[in-house]
Amino acid sequence: MNQIKLIYYQNFKIYFTFLLLWFSVQFEQVVENFVAYVLVITIGIIHGANDLLILSKSQQKGNSFLKNLTIYVSIIILCIFIFYLQPLIAIVLFIMISAYHFGEEHFSDKISESFIFNTGYYFAYGLLIFSMLFYNTLEEVNLIMNQLADYSFQIKSIEISLLISSIYCLFASVYLYWKKRISVKALLKELFYILLLFLVFKATALILGFAVYFIFWHSLPSILHQVQYLSGHINKKSILFYVKSASIYWLLSIVGMLILYFTVPKIEQLAPILFVILFAVTAPHMWVMHQIKN
């Protein structure tokens, strides 16, 4: 993604973050949730719907498409199998995988240290995001947890996770500054982002707070990176091509979500269904994104 488009999008996401923060104050939770569901079901799912196209692109660079496709489908089947047998383990895996994926998308273009350092930093950042979200919306989180796994997170566990991830990110960031890998301006900008997201999570309901981060801070930047990878440039034509290519996989995801909603009697809300769909697609999507970024 070239620098001009990157700066433009950073301003765009800050603007829409404040807009949705204002929106949450002006409207009731039912309206918040509706907007959040629309964002996640459309942009959120679409951002992971072109994985097969990306795999076919990697075939042109010497990788076996059949081998990659087998791995991709196997990961999806494994995720569904784990969720069916042990929902709690599936939830923990989803949080861990998503935490790393969030951090990789946010920082892979900004830092380039050792594999161990990068992995730890990516994971700690993503865990910090989840910890802030859960800390501010724990009651809503546990409603979903009870439906999916008959389990509730304890506030003490969330506080420990928040503290550890915050300290890790702080010391790792100071190390990057000491090694002259990032500037004071970049550090302050990231601190501002974290404080802004904490405010959003505190002021909004769970689903909208998650949607704000997932869509504007993760999915849209990821889509731009994918468009750049697939087409070599970012413009209206390449974005439309991306959306059209994603439509079939997106429709299959929606059909799967509807089937789960009407066939699993224990699940009474849309949020748990979204988790199941996101878990099934996040792990293989993270594997694909890790491949093109490395």
Protein backbone atom coordinates (compact mmCIF):
# COMPACT_ATOMS: atom_id res chain seq x y z
CA MET A 1 0.00 0.00 0.00
CA ASN A 2 1.63 3.27 -1.03
CA GLN A 3 2.24 5.98 1.56
CA ILE A 4 -0.38 8.45 0.29
CA LYS A 5 -3.20 5.88 0.40
CA LEU A 6 -1.98 4.70 3.82
CA ILE A 7 -2.16 8.22 5.28
CA TYR A 8 -5.55 8.78 3.67
CA TYR A 9 -6.94 5.58 5.17
CA GLN A 10 -5.52 6.34 8.63
CA ASN A 11 -7.45 9.61 8.61
CA PHE A 12 -10.53 7.79 7.30
CA LYS A 13 -10.54 5.18 10.07
CA ILE A 14 -10.06 7.78 12.81
CA TYR A 15 -12.97 9.80 11.42
CA PHE A 16 -15.30 6.79 11.29
CA THR A 17 -14.21 5.63 14.73
CA PHE A 18 -15.28 8.96 16.21
CA LEU A 19 -18.44 8.90 14.08
CA LEU A 20 -19.48 5.49 15.43
CA LEU A 21 -18.54 6.59 18.95
CA TRP A 22 -20.97 9.50 18.55
CA PHE A 23 -23.49 7.12 16.98
CA SER A 24 -23.40 4.85 20.05
CA VAL A 25 -24.27 7.78 22.30
CA GLN A 26 -27.17 8.94 20.13
CA PHE A 27 -28.95 5.62 19.51
CA GLU A 28 -30.17 2.67 21.54
CA GLN A 29 -28.29 -0.63 21.67
CA VAL A 30 -30.67 -2.38 19.28
CA VAL A 31 -29.73 0.15 16.58
CA GLU A 32 -26.03 -0.19 17.45
CA ASN A 33 -26.22 -3.95 17.12
CA PHE A 34 -28.03 -3.78 13.78
CA VAL A 35 -25.34 -1.53 12.28
CA ALA A 36 -22.58 -3.71 13.77
CA TYR A 37 -24.08 -6.92 12.39
CA VAL A 38 -24.41 -5.40 8.92
CA LEU A 39 -20.75 -4.30 8.98
CA VAL A 40 -19.44 -7.67 10.18
CA ILE A 41 -21.64 -9.76 7.88
CA THR A 42 -20.67 -7.70 4.83
CA ILE A 43 -17.18 -6.20 5.06
CA GLY A 44 -15.98 -8.46 7.87
CA ILE A 45 -16.71 -11.72 6.10
CA ILE A 46 -15.76 -10.39 2.66
CA HIS A 47 -12.25 -9.52 3.90
CA GLY A 48 -11.55 -13.25 4.27
CA ALA A 49 -13.52 -14.42 1.25
CA ASN A 50 -10.76 -14.20 -1.36
CA ASP A 51 -8.33 -16.61 0.24
CA LEU A 52 -8.68 -19.14 -2.58
CA LEU A 53 -7.93 -16.46 -5.17
CA ILE A 54 -4.84 -15.50 -3.20
CA LEU A 55 -3.78 -19.15 -3.05
CA SER A 56 -4.15 -19.41 -6.82
CA LYS A 57 -1.98 -16.30 -7.15
CA SER A 58 0.68 -17.92 -4.97
CA GLN A 59 0.62 -20.91 -7.35
CA GLN A 60 2.01 -18.61 -10.02
CA LYS A 61 4.93 -17.97 -7.69
CA GLY A 62 5.86 -21.64 -7.46
CA ASN A 63 3.59 -23.01 -4.74
CA SER A 64 1.25 -25.94 -5.33
CA PHE A 65 -2.35 -24.72 -5.40
CA LEU A 66 -3.68 -28.22 -4.69
CA LYS A 67 -1.40 -28.56 -1.68
CA ASN A 68 -2.41 -25.13 -0.35
CA LEU A 69 -6.10 -25.82 -0.98
CA THR A 70 -5.86 -29.11 0.92
CA ILE A 71 -4.25 -27.35 3.88
CA TYR A 72 -6.84 -24.56 3.76
CA VAL A 73 -9.86 -26.90 3.73
CA SER A 74 -8.29 -29.12 6.39
CA ILE A 75 -7.92 -26.15 8.74
CA ILE A 76 -11.62 -25.28 8.30
CA ILE A 77 -12.68 -28.88 8.99
CA LEU A 78 -10.39 -29.03 12.03
CA CYS A 79 -11.88 -25.81 13.44
CA ILE A 80 -15.44 -27.12 13.04
CA PHE A 81 -14.42 -30.43 14.62
CA ILE A 82 -12.82 -28.71 17.63
CA PHE A 83 -15.85 -26.48 18.13
CA TYR A 84 -18.19 -29.48 17.97
CA LEU A 85 -16.19 -31.44 20.59
CA GLN A 86 -14.86 -28.68 22.86
CA PRO A 87 -16.46 -25.24 22.36
CA LEU A 88 -14.38 -23.66 25.14
CA ILE A 89 -11.11 -24.78 23.54
CA ALA A 90 -12.40 -23.44 20.21
CA ILE A 91 -13.12 -20.05 21.79
CA VAL A 92 -9.66 -19.85 23.38
CA LEU A 93 -8.05 -20.82 20.06
CA PHE A 94 -10.13 -18.21 18.25
CA ILE A 95 -8.95 -15.50 20.64
CA MET A 96 -5.30 -16.56 20.36
CA ILE A 97 -5.34 -16.91 16.57
CA SER A 98 -7.24 -13.65 16.09
CA ALA A 99 -4.92 -11.83 18.51
CA TYR A 100 -1.88 -12.78 16.45
CA HIS A 101 -3.70 -12.02 13.19
CA PHE A 102 -4.77 -8.55 14.39
CA GLY A 103 -1.22 -7.74 15.45
CA GLU A 104 0.31 -9.03 12.22
CA GLU A 105 -2.05 -6.97 10.07
CA HIS A 106 -1.43 -3.83 12.13
CA PHE A 107 2.36 -4.05 12.51
CA SER A 108 3.81 -6.24 9.74
CA ASP A 109 4.56 -3.17 7.59
CA LYS A 110 5.92 -1.20 10.56
CA ILE A 111 8.39 -3.52 12.31
CA SER A 112 10.91 -6.05 11.05
CA GLU A 113 12.70 -7.77 13.91
CA SER A 114 13.34 -11.43 14.64
CA PHE A 115 10.60 -14.02 14.19
CA ILE A 116 10.29 -14.48 17.96
CA PHE A 117 10.06 -10.75 18.66
CA ASN A 118 7.52 -10.14 15.89
CA THR A 119 5.38 -13.09 16.98
CA GLY A 120 5.34 -11.95 20.60
CA TYR A 121 4.59 -8.35 19.66
CA TYR A 122 1.78 -9.27 17.26
CA PHE A 123 0.17 -11.57 19.80
CA ALA A 124 0.50 -9.14 22.72
CA TYR A 125 -1.08 -6.33 20.70
CA GLY A 126 -4.03 -8.46 19.64
CA LEU A 127 -4.46 -9.79 23.17
CA LEU A 128 -4.48 -6.20 24.43
CA ILE A 129 -7.32 -5.38 22.01
CA PHE A 130 -9.38 -8.38 23.18
CA SER A 131 -8.61 -7.66 26.84
CA MET A 132 -9.78 -4.05 26.54
CA LEU A 133 -12.94 -5.16 24.75
CA PHE A 134 -13.75 -7.91 27.27
CA TYR A 135 -12.90 -5.71 30.26
CA ASN A 136 -15.46 -3.10 29.20
CA THR A 137 -18.20 -5.49 28.02
CA LEU A 138 -17.71 -8.57 30.21
CA GLU A 139 -21.41 -9.07 30.95
CA GLU A 140 -22.25 -9.24 27.23
CA VAL A 141 -19.22 -11.43 26.54
CA ASN A 142 -20.36 -13.93 29.16
CA LEU A 143 -23.87 -14.09 27.70
CA ILE A 144 -22.30 -15.39 24.49
CA MET A 145 -19.88 -17.63 26.39
CA ASN A 146 -22.74 -19.26 28.29
CA GLN A 147 -24.59 -20.02 25.06
CA LEU A 148 -21.55 -21.46 23.33
CA ALA A 149 -19.66 -23.23 26.11
CA ASP A 150 -21.55 -22.94 29.43
CA TYR A 151 -18.61 -20.93 30.74
CA SER A 152 -17.99 -17.40 32.01
CA PHE A 153 -14.80 -15.36 32.08
CA GLN A 154 -13.83 -13.93 35.47
CA ILE A 155 -13.02 -10.23 35.72
CA LYS A 156 -9.75 -11.06 37.50
CA SER A 157 -8.56 -13.14 34.54
CA ILE A 158 -9.39 -10.31 32.14
CA GLU A 159 -7.56 -7.79 34.33
CA ILE A 160 -4.45 -10.00 34.42
CA SER A 161 -4.57 -10.42 30.64
CA LEU A 162 -4.97 -6.66 30.21
CA LEU A 163 -2.06 -5.92 32.54
CA ILE A 164 0.35 -8.45 31.03
CA SER A 165 -0.40 -7.52 27.41
CA SER A 166 -0.10 -3.80 28.22
CA ILE A 167 3.26 -4.22 29.95
CA TYR A 168 4.59 -6.44 27.15
CA CYS A 169 3.55 -3.96 24.45
CA LEU A 170 5.03 -1.07 26.44
CA PHE A 171 8.45 -2.66 26.95
CA ALA A 172 8.57 -4.04 23.40
CA SER A 173 7.75 -0.58 22.03
CA VAL A 174 10.43 1.04 24.20
CA TYR A 175 12.89 -1.55 22.87
CA LEU A 176 11.95 -0.67 19.28
CA TYR A 177 12.51 3.02 20.05
CA TRP A 178 15.85 2.25 21.74
CA LYS A 179 16.93 0.31 18.64
CA LYS A 180 15.80 3.28 16.50
CA ARG A 181 13.21 1.15 14.71
CA ILE A 182 10.34 3.55 15.46
CA SER A 183 10.11 7.25 16.29
CA VAL A 184 8.59 9.01 19.29
CA LYS A 185 5.86 10.29 16.97
CA ALA A 186 4.97 6.72 15.96
CA LEU A 187 4.91 5.61 19.60
CA LEU A 188 2.61 8.46 20.61
CA LYS A 189 0.35 7.74 17.65
CA GLU A 190 -0.01 4.08 18.69
CA LEU A 191 -0.70 5.16 22.28
CA PHE A 192 -3.42 7.50 21.02
CA TYR A 193 -4.93 4.65 19.00
CA ILE A 194 -5.03 2.37 22.05
CA LEU A 195 -6.63 5.05 24.24
CA LEU A 196 -9.18 5.81 21.52
CA LEU A 197 -10.11 2.15 21.18
CA PHE A 198 -10.42 1.79 24.95
CA LEU A 199 -12.84 4.73 24.95
CA VAL A 200 -14.82 3.15 22.11
CA PHE A 201 -15.06 -0.19 23.91
CA LYS A 202 -16.14 1.55 27.11
CA ALA A 203 -18.83 3.66 25.43
CA THR A 204 -20.32 1.08 23.06
CA ALA A 205 -22.01 -2.30 23.32
CA LEU A 206 -19.92 -5.41 22.69
CA ILE A 207 -20.97 -6.02 19.09
CA LEU A 208 -20.49 -2.42 17.93
CA GLY A 209 -17.19 -2.08 19.78
CA PHE A 210 -15.93 -5.26 18.14
CA ALA A 211 -17.24 -4.11 14.74
CA VAL A 212 -15.45 -0.75 14.99
CA TYR A 213 -12.09 -2.45 15.47
CA PHE A 214 -12.73 -5.48 13.27
CA ILE A 215 -13.98 -3.47 10.29
CA PHE A 216 -12.15 -0.14 10.31
CA TRP A 217 -8.90 -1.13 12.03
CA HIS A 218 -8.48 -4.63 10.64
CA SER A 219 -10.72 -5.76 7.75
CA LEU A 220 -10.50 -2.70 5.51
CA PRO A 221 -6.69 -2.37 5.82
CA SER A 222 -6.47 -6.11 5.11
CA ILE A 223 -8.68 -5.74 2.03
CA LEU A 224 -6.43 -2.96 0.72
CA HIS A 225 -3.34 -5.14 1.23
CA GLN A 226 -5.05 -8.04 -0.54
CA VAL A 227 -6.13 -5.83 -3.47
CA GLN A 228 -2.55 -4.59 -3.77
CA TYR A 229 -1.26 -8.18 -3.75
CA LEU A 230 -3.80 -9.45 -6.30
CA SER A 231 -3.87 -6.53 -8.74
CA GLY A 232 -0.62 -4.70 -8.10
CA HIS A 233 -2.46 -1.42 -7.48
CA ILE A 234 -5.43 0.01 -5.62
CA ASN A 235 -8.17 1.74 -7.61
CA LYS A 236 -11.91 1.47 -8.20
CA LYS A 237 -11.54 -1.29 -10.80
CA SER A 238 -9.28 -3.49 -8.66
CA ILE A 239 -11.54 -3.07 -5.61
CA LEU A 240 -14.65 -4.03 -7.63
CA PHE A 241 -12.79 -7.08 -8.94
CA TYR A 242 -11.96 -8.06 -5.37
CA VAL A 243 -15.59 -7.72 -4.21
CA LYS A 244 -16.96 -9.69 -7.18
CA SER A 245 -14.41 -12.45 -6.66
CA ALA A 246 -15.39 -12.71 -2.99
CA SER A 247 -19.16 -12.91 -3.60
CA ILE A 248 -19.52 -16.72 -3.91
CA TYR A 249 -17.54 -17.50 -0.75
CA TRP A 250 -19.41 -14.73 1.06
CA LEU A 251 -22.79 -16.20 0.04
CA LEU A 252 -21.70 -19.64 1.25
CA SER A 253 -20.78 -18.11 4.62
CA ILE A 254 -24.20 -16.46 4.90
CA VAL A 255 -25.95 -19.73 4.03
CA GLY A 256 -23.87 -21.52 6.68
CA MET A 257 -24.78 -18.88 9.24
CA LEU A 258 -28.51 -19.25 8.49
CA ILE A 259 -28.31 -23.03 8.73
CA LEU A 260 -26.66 -22.79 12.15
CA TYR A 261 -29.18 -20.23 13.36
CA PHE A 262 -32.20 -22.37 12.47
CA THR A 263 -30.79 -25.80 13.36
CA VAL A 264 -29.01 -25.20 16.69
CA PRO A 265 -31.77 -24.62 19.27
CA LYS A 266 -29.42 -23.53 22.06
CA ILE A 267 -28.25 -20.49 20.11
CA GLU A 268 -30.82 -17.73 20.43
CA GLN A 269 -28.86 -14.71 19.21
CA LEU A 270 -26.89 -13.80 16.10
CA ALA A 271 -23.65 -13.01 17.95
CA PRO A 272 -22.77 -16.65 18.79
CA ILE A 273 -23.46 -17.64 15.18
CA LEU A 274 -21.06 -14.95 13.99
CA PHE A 275 -18.41 -16.31 16.33
CA VAL A 276 -18.74 -19.81 14.88
CA ILE A 277 -18.47 -18.51 11.31
CA LEU A 278 -15.55 -16.22 12.16
CA PHE A 279 -13.72 -19.03 13.96
CA ALA A 280 -14.12 -21.37 10.99
CA VAL A 281 -12.70 -18.82 8.54
CA THR A 282 -10.18 -16.92 10.70
CA ALA A 283 -7.64 -19.73 11.16
CA PRO A 284 -7.26 -20.57 7.44
CA HIS A 285 -7.43 -16.87 6.55
CA MET A 286 -4.62 -16.08 9.00
CA TRP A 287 -2.53 -18.85 7.42
CA VAL A 288 -3.06 -17.37 3.95
CA MET A 289 -2.28 -13.81 5.08
CA HIS A 290 0.84 -15.00 6.89
CA GLN A 291 2.01 -16.60 3.65
CA ILE A 292 1.66 -13.47 1.52
CA LYS A 293 3.24 -11.27 4.21
CA ASN A 294 6.24 -13.57 4.55
